[in-house]
Each structure stands twice: as structure tokens, then as C-alpha cells.
Amino acid sequence: MDWRQVVAANLRRIRRERGFSQETLAYEADVNRTYISKLEKGATWVGLEVLVKISKVLHAEPADFLERPTRRAAKKA
């Protein structure tokens, strides 16, 4: 998994867990909403400064966005 995809998956998950829309997160972090969208798609690299802004708004550690997701066990029928 590409690091952009790791950040994207974690950003989407954490943002949703905290109940933020992309628009609200962008406003609170003082970044463009389309940039948040691109980050969540894994279409662009996140800068450290922006990652810290997003982390503060979401009350998360910057390192939380770099954790590789664990594979879920397949459901048994």
C-alpha cells in the first residue's frame, strides 16, 4: 500500500469517527476543502504542516495517520 493511501484511509476513518465533514475539517484546519478531498483519495502528498493542522483539529497524533491498516480477518459463513 502506497503511503498516500495509508494517510488517505486513516484520514477518512478518523474524520468520520470524529463526526467532521470534509468542509468543516478544512475550515477548522484552515486548508482548502478540495485539498482535503485529494488527500482522502490519495491523489496528493500531505505536507507536514498541514498534517499537524489536521491532527490538532481532529485531536489525533500526526503519527496516527501513518499507521498501516491491519488486514481484517475474512468473515466465516
C-alpha atoms as a PDB file:
ATOM      1  CA  MET A   1       0.000   0.000   0.000  1.00  0.00           C
ATOM      2  CA  ASP A   2       1.336   3.405  -1.034  1.00  0.00           C
ATOM      3  CA  TRP A   3       1.909   5.880   1.839  1.00  0.00           C
ATOM      4  CA  ARG A   4      -0.566   8.296   0.276  1.00  0.00           C
ATOM      5  CA  GLN A   5      -3.199   5.569   0.500  1.00  0.00           C
ATOM      6  CA  VAL A   6      -2.282   4.878   4.135  1.00  0.00           C
ATOM      7  CA  VAL A   7      -2.741   8.552   5.028  1.00  0.00           C
ATOM      8  CA  ALA A   8      -5.942   8.689   2.957  1.00  0.00           C
ATOM      9  CA  ALA A   9      -7.532   5.702   4.692  1.00  0.00           C
ATOM     10  CA  ASN A  10      -6.604   6.943   8.161  1.00  0.00           C
ATOM     11  CA  LEU A  11      -7.727  10.498   7.457  1.00  0.00           C
ATOM     12  CA  ARG A  12     -11.135   9.311   6.201  1.00  0.00           C
ATOM     13  CA  ARG A  13     -11.564   6.963   9.166  1.00  0.00           C
ATOM     14  CA  ILE A  14     -10.506   9.447  11.844  1.00  0.00           C
ATOM     15  CA  ARG A  15     -12.501  12.303  10.307  1.00  0.00           C
ATOM     16  CA  ARG A  16     -15.652  10.181  10.206  1.00  0.00           C
ATOM     17  CA  GLU A  17     -15.107   8.856  13.738  1.00  0.00           C
ATOM     18  CA  ARG A  18     -14.899  12.454  14.982  1.00  0.00           C
ATOM     19  CA  GLY A  19     -18.046  13.436  13.044  1.00  0.00           C
ATOM     20  CA  PHE A  20     -16.433  16.034  10.785  1.00  0.00           C
ATOM     21  CA  SER A  21     -17.397  16.720   7.197  1.00  0.00           C
ATOM     22  CA  GLN A  22     -14.590  17.486   4.763  1.00  0.00           C
ATOM     23  CA  GLU A  23     -15.817  21.062   4.614  1.00  0.00           C
ATOM     24  CA  THR A  24     -15.819  21.533   8.395  1.00  0.00           C
ATOM     25  CA  LEU A  25     -12.399  19.939   8.759  1.00  0.00           C
ATOM     26  CA  ALA A  26     -10.983  22.144   6.028  1.00  0.00           C
ATOM     27  CA  TYR A  27     -12.431  25.274   7.619  1.00  0.00           C
ATOM     28  CA  GLU A  28     -11.190  24.413  11.122  1.00  0.00           C
ATOM     29  CA  ALA A  29      -7.712  23.424   9.836  1.00  0.00           C
ATOM     30  CA  ASP A  30      -7.534  26.469   7.527  1.00  0.00           C
ATOM     31  CA  VAL A  31      -6.903  24.421   4.373  1.00  0.00           C
ATOM     32  CA  ASN A  32      -8.822  24.160   1.113  1.00  0.00           C
ATOM     33  CA  ARG A  33     -11.661  21.610   1.060  1.00  0.00           C
ATOM     34  CA  THR A  34     -10.571  20.275  -2.312  1.00  0.00           C
ATOM     35  CA  TYR A  35      -7.143  19.598  -0.791  1.00  0.00           C
ATOM     36  CA  ILE A  36      -8.791  17.512   1.948  1.00  0.00           C
ATOM     37  CA  SER A  37     -10.671  15.632  -0.770  1.00  0.00           C
ATOM     38  CA  LYS A  38      -7.459  14.960  -2.701  1.00  0.00           C
ATOM     39  CA  LEU A  39      -5.768  13.731   0.485  1.00  0.00           C
ATOM     40  CA  GLU A  40      -8.638  11.343   1.199  1.00  0.00           C
ATOM     41  CA  LYS A  41      -8.416   9.981  -2.349  1.00  0.00           C
ATOM     42  CA  GLY A  42      -4.654   9.506  -2.022  1.00  0.00           C
ATOM     43  CA  ALA A  43      -4.204  11.792  -5.022  1.00  0.00           C
ATOM     44  CA  THR A  44      -1.596  14.050  -3.418  1.00  0.00           C
ATOM     45  CA  TRP A  45       1.057  14.020  -0.719  1.00  0.00           C
ATOM     46  CA  VAL A  46       0.292  15.727   2.566  1.00  0.00           C
ATOM     47  CA  GLY A  47       2.714  18.317   3.881  1.00  0.00           C
ATOM     48  CA  LEU A  48       3.873  18.051   7.473  1.00  0.00           C
ATOM     49  CA  GLU A  49       2.483  21.487   8.339  1.00  0.00           C
ATOM     50  CA  VAL A  50      -0.969  20.542   7.052  1.00  0.00           C
ATOM     51  CA  LEU A  51      -0.830  17.138   8.745  1.00  0.00           C
ATOM     52  CA  VAL A  52      -0.201  18.854  12.073  1.00  0.00           C
ATOM     53  CA  LYS A  53      -3.104  21.294  11.481  1.00  0.00           C
ATOM     54  CA  ILE A  54      -5.464  18.414  10.676  1.00  0.00           C
ATOM     55  CA  SER A  55      -4.212  16.446  13.688  1.00  0.00           C
ATOM     56  CA  LYS A  56      -4.951  19.317  16.044  1.00  0.00           C
ATOM     57  CA  VAL A  57      -8.481  19.762  14.739  1.00  0.00           C
ATOM     58  CA  LEU A  58      -9.221  16.030  14.936  1.00  0.00           C
ATOM     59  CA  HIS A  59      -7.483  15.648  18.326  1.00  0.00           C
ATOM     60  CA  ALA A  60      -5.186  12.966  16.923  1.00  0.00           C
ATOM     61  CA  GLU A  61      -1.447  12.487  16.795  1.00  0.00           C
ATOM     62  CA  PRO A  62       0.226  13.056  13.416  1.00  0.00           C
ATOM     63  CA  ALA A  63       1.620   9.515  13.684  1.00  0.00           C
ATOM     64  CA  ASP A  64      -1.964   8.157  13.727  1.00  0.00           C
ATOM     65  CA  PHE A  65      -2.215   8.984  10.025  1.00  0.00           C
ATOM     66  CA  LEU A  66       0.852   6.863   9.207  1.00  0.00           C
ATOM     67  CA  GLU A  67      -0.291   3.611  10.802  1.00  0.00           C
ATOM     68  CA  ARG A  68      -0.721   0.892   8.237  1.00  0.00           C
ATOM     69  CA  PRO A  69      -4.206  -0.639   8.475  1.00  0.00           C
ATOM     70  CA  THR A  70      -4.365  -4.199   9.696  1.00  0.00           C
ATOM     71  CA  ARG A  71      -5.943  -6.757   7.448  1.00  0.00           C
ATOM     72  CA  ARG A  72      -9.364  -7.813   8.648  1.00  0.00           C
ATOM     73  CA  ALA A  73      -9.980 -11.482   9.055  1.00  0.00           C
ATOM     74  CA  ALA A  74     -12.326 -12.891   6.442  1.00  0.00           C
ATOM     75  CA  LYS A  75     -15.830 -13.499   7.774  1.00  0.00           C
ATOM     76  CA  LYS A  76     -16.791 -17.135   8.031  1.00  0.00           C
ATOM     77  CA  ALA A  77     -20.166 -18.195   6.694  1.00  0.00           C
END
